Amino acid sequence: MFNSYSIRVDLQATGSRIKELRKQKRLKVAELAEIMHSSENTIFKWQRGDCLPTIDNLVVLSIVFETPMDEIIQIEGRGDEPLLPFWGYVNVLLLKIKN
């Protein structure tokens, strides 16, 4: 069973996931940076796994990519188990706000 009190974010996998989702939306780094009100360098840092987006940026990425936040953040050893039981509900609300 996954212990939600002892988690480690996989920076490399999260960065790869952000890059993958950006490409699926056919966004260039410069375009995503503009949407995020951020620099291209910041987007590259996320994609390389040098650092993680802030929670504010994670919310925006979730909306832009139309993907639940816990499908963006990759957790070591989590497998397919959700990060938090109510996470899906939070993402449904965010998508409703978007529309």
C-alpha atoms as a PDB file:
ATOM      1  CA  MET A   1       0.000   0.000   0.000  1.00  0.00           C
ATOM      2  CA  PHE A   2       1.209   3.492  -0.853  1.00  0.00           C
ATOM      3  CA  ASN A   3       2.047   5.637   2.177  1.00  0.00           C
ATOM      4  CA  SER A   4       0.936   9.203   1.355  1.00  0.00           C
ATOM      5  CA  TYR A   5       2.912  10.562   4.319  1.00  0.00           C
ATOM      6  CA  SER A   6       6.220   9.424   2.882  1.00  0.00           C
ATOM      7  CA  ILE A   7       6.458  10.542  -0.720  1.00  0.00           C
ATOM      8  CA  ARG A   8       9.318  11.525  -2.967  1.00  0.00           C
ATOM      9  CA  VAL A   9       8.655  13.387  -6.176  1.00  0.00           C
ATOM     10  CA  ASP A  10      10.537  11.952  -9.134  1.00  0.00           C
ATOM     11  CA  LEU A  11      11.920  15.167 -10.652  1.00  0.00           C
ATOM     12  CA  GLN A  12      13.149  13.568 -13.875  1.00  0.00           C
ATOM     13  CA  ALA A  13       9.898  11.707 -14.525  1.00  0.00           C
ATOM     14  CA  THR A  14       7.845  14.813 -13.718  1.00  0.00           C
ATOM     15  CA  GLY A  15       9.944  16.871 -16.128  1.00  0.00           C
ATOM     16  CA  SER A  16       9.536  14.255 -18.841  1.00  0.00           C
ATOM     17  CA  ARG A  17       5.780  14.222 -18.225  1.00  0.00           C
ATOM     18  CA  ILE A  18       5.556  18.020 -18.562  1.00  0.00           C
ATOM     19  CA  LYS A  19       7.492  17.836 -21.833  1.00  0.00           C
ATOM     20  CA  GLU A  20       5.308  14.991 -23.100  1.00  0.00           C
ATOM     21  CA  LEU A  21       2.078  16.858 -22.266  1.00  0.00           C
ATOM     22  CA  ARG A  22       3.400  20.072 -23.845  1.00  0.00           C
ATOM     23  CA  LYS A  23       4.181  18.217 -27.063  1.00  0.00           C
ATOM     24  CA  GLN A  24       0.763  16.499 -27.056  1.00  0.00           C
ATOM     25  CA  LYS A  25      -0.819  19.968 -27.000  1.00  0.00           C
ATOM     26  CA  ARG A  26       1.565  20.986 -29.816  1.00  0.00           C
ATOM     27  CA  LEU A  27       2.898  23.881 -27.767  1.00  0.00           C
ATOM     28  CA  LYS A  28       6.395  25.262 -28.205  1.00  0.00           C
ATOM     29  CA  VAL A  29       8.370  26.078 -25.081  1.00  0.00           C
ATOM     30  CA  ALA A  30       7.991  29.797 -25.849  1.00  0.00           C
ATOM     31  CA  GLU A  31       4.204  29.427 -26.153  1.00  0.00           C
ATOM     32  CA  LEU A  32       3.900  27.578 -22.846  1.00  0.00           C
ATOM     33  CA  ALA A  33       6.163  30.148 -21.184  1.00  0.00           C
ATOM     34  CA  GLU A  34       3.883  32.929 -22.406  1.00  0.00           C
ATOM     35  CA  ILE A  35       0.762  31.143 -21.141  1.00  0.00           C
ATOM     36  CA  MET A  36       2.464  30.565 -17.784  1.00  0.00           C
ATOM     37  CA  HIS A  37       3.742  34.170 -17.561  1.00  0.00           C
ATOM     38  CA  SER A  38       7.148  32.629 -17.084  1.00  0.00           C
ATOM     39  CA  SER A  39      10.437  32.379 -18.928  1.00  0.00           C
ATOM     40  CA  GLU A  40      11.460  29.715 -21.417  1.00  0.00           C
ATOM     41  CA  ASN A  41      14.352  28.939 -19.070  1.00  0.00           C
ATOM     42  CA  THR A  42      11.879  28.056 -16.305  1.00  0.00           C
ATOM     43  CA  ILE A  43      10.000  25.674 -18.613  1.00  0.00           C
ATOM     44  CA  PHE A  44      13.300  24.047 -19.616  1.00  0.00           C
ATOM     45  CA  LYS A  45      14.233  23.651 -15.913  1.00  0.00           C
ATOM     46  CA  TRP A  46      10.932  21.866 -15.243  1.00  0.00           C
ATOM     47  CA  GLN A  47      11.405  19.601 -18.265  1.00  0.00           C
ATOM     48  CA  ARG A  48      14.975  18.677 -17.255  1.00  0.00           C
ATOM     49  CA  GLY A  49      13.855  17.920 -13.717  1.00  0.00           C
ATOM     50  CA  ASP A  50      16.014  20.661 -12.214  1.00  0.00           C
ATOM     51  CA  CYS A  51      13.046  21.970 -10.221  1.00  0.00           C
ATOM     52  CA  LEU A  52       9.290  21.617  -9.882  1.00  0.00           C
ATOM     53  CA  PRO A  53       6.535  24.069 -10.773  1.00  0.00           C
ATOM     54  CA  THR A  54       4.984  25.902  -7.833  1.00  0.00           C
ATOM     55  CA  ILE A  55       1.501  24.791  -6.837  1.00  0.00           C
ATOM     56  CA  ASP A  56       0.092  27.857  -8.630  1.00  0.00           C
ATOM     57  CA  ASN A  57       1.895  26.867 -11.817  1.00  0.00           C
ATOM     58  CA  LEU A  58       0.845  23.262 -11.372  1.00  0.00           C
ATOM     59  CA  VAL A  59      -2.808  24.338 -11.322  1.00  0.00           C
ATOM     60  CA  VAL A  60      -2.320  26.290 -14.558  1.00  0.00           C
ATOM     61  CA  LEU A  61      -0.469  23.369 -16.184  1.00  0.00           C
ATOM     62  CA  SER A  62      -3.328  21.074 -15.202  1.00  0.00           C
ATOM     63  CA  ILE A  63      -5.817  23.373 -16.907  1.00  0.00           C
ATOM     64  CA  VAL A  64      -3.667  23.955 -20.012  1.00  0.00           C
ATOM     65  CA  PHE A  65      -2.916  20.255 -20.430  1.00  0.00           C
ATOM     66  CA  GLU A  66      -6.447  19.219 -19.385  1.00  0.00           C
ATOM     67  CA  THR A  67      -4.799  16.669 -17.115  1.00  0.00           C
ATOM     68  CA  PRO A  68      -5.231  16.028 -13.382  1.00  0.00           C
ATOM     69  CA  MET A  69      -2.391  17.435 -11.309  1.00  0.00           C
ATOM     70  CA  ASP A  70      -1.419  14.087  -9.913  1.00  0.00           C
ATOM     71  CA  GLU A  71      -0.906  12.818 -13.453  1.00  0.00           C
ATOM     72  CA  ILE A  72       1.657  15.577 -13.977  1.00  0.00           C
ATOM     73  CA  ILE A  73       3.612  15.125 -10.736  1.00  0.00           C
ATOM     74  CA  GLN A  74       5.308  11.730 -10.752  1.00  0.00           C
ATOM     75  CA  ILE A  75       5.922  10.033  -7.400  1.00  0.00           C
ATOM     76  CA  GLU A  76       8.642   7.441  -6.850  1.00  0.00           C
ATOM     77  CA  GLY A  77       7.188   3.983  -6.252  1.00  0.00           C
ATOM     78  CA  ARG A  78       3.578   5.094  -6.580  1.00  0.00           C
ATOM     79  CA  GLY A  79       2.574   3.086  -9.596  1.00  0.00           C
ATOM     80  CA  ASP A  80      -1.018   3.829 -10.624  1.00  0.00           C
ATOM     81  CA  GLU A  81      -2.277   4.523  -7.106  1.00  0.00           C
ATOM     82  CA  PRO A  82      -3.641   8.081  -6.717  1.00  0.00           C
ATOM     83  CA  LEU A  83      -1.575  10.542  -4.692  1.00  0.00           C
ATOM     84  CA  LEU A  84      -4.576  11.640  -2.658  1.00  0.00           C
ATOM     85  CA  PRO A  85      -8.007   9.975  -2.590  1.00  0.00           C
ATOM     86  CA  PHE A  86      -9.870  13.209  -3.349  1.00  0.00           C
ATOM     87  CA  TRP A  87      -7.442  14.448  -6.021  1.00  0.00           C
ATOM     88  CA  GLY A  88      -9.670  13.432  -8.918  1.00  0.00           C
ATOM     89  CA  TYR A  89     -12.553  15.416  -7.433  1.00  0.00           C
ATOM     90  CA  VAL A  90     -10.364  18.538  -7.168  1.00  0.00           C
ATOM     91  CA  ASN A  91      -9.352  18.212 -10.814  1.00  0.00           C
ATOM     92  CA  VAL A  92     -12.969  17.800 -11.946  1.00  0.00           C
ATOM     93  CA  LEU A  93     -13.790  21.078 -10.193  1.00  0.00           C
ATOM     94  CA  LEU A  94     -10.840  22.819 -11.851  1.00  0.00           C
ATOM     95  CA  LEU A  95     -11.940  21.638 -15.289  1.00  0.00           C
ATOM     96  CA  LYS A  96     -15.492  22.884 -14.590  1.00  0.00           C
ATOM     97  CA  ILE A  97     -14.093  26.291 -13.659  1.00  0.00           C
ATOM     98  CA  LYS A  98     -12.172  26.363 -16.935  1.00  0.00           C
ATOM     99  CA  ASN A  99     -15.324  25.755 -18.932  1.00  0.00           C
END
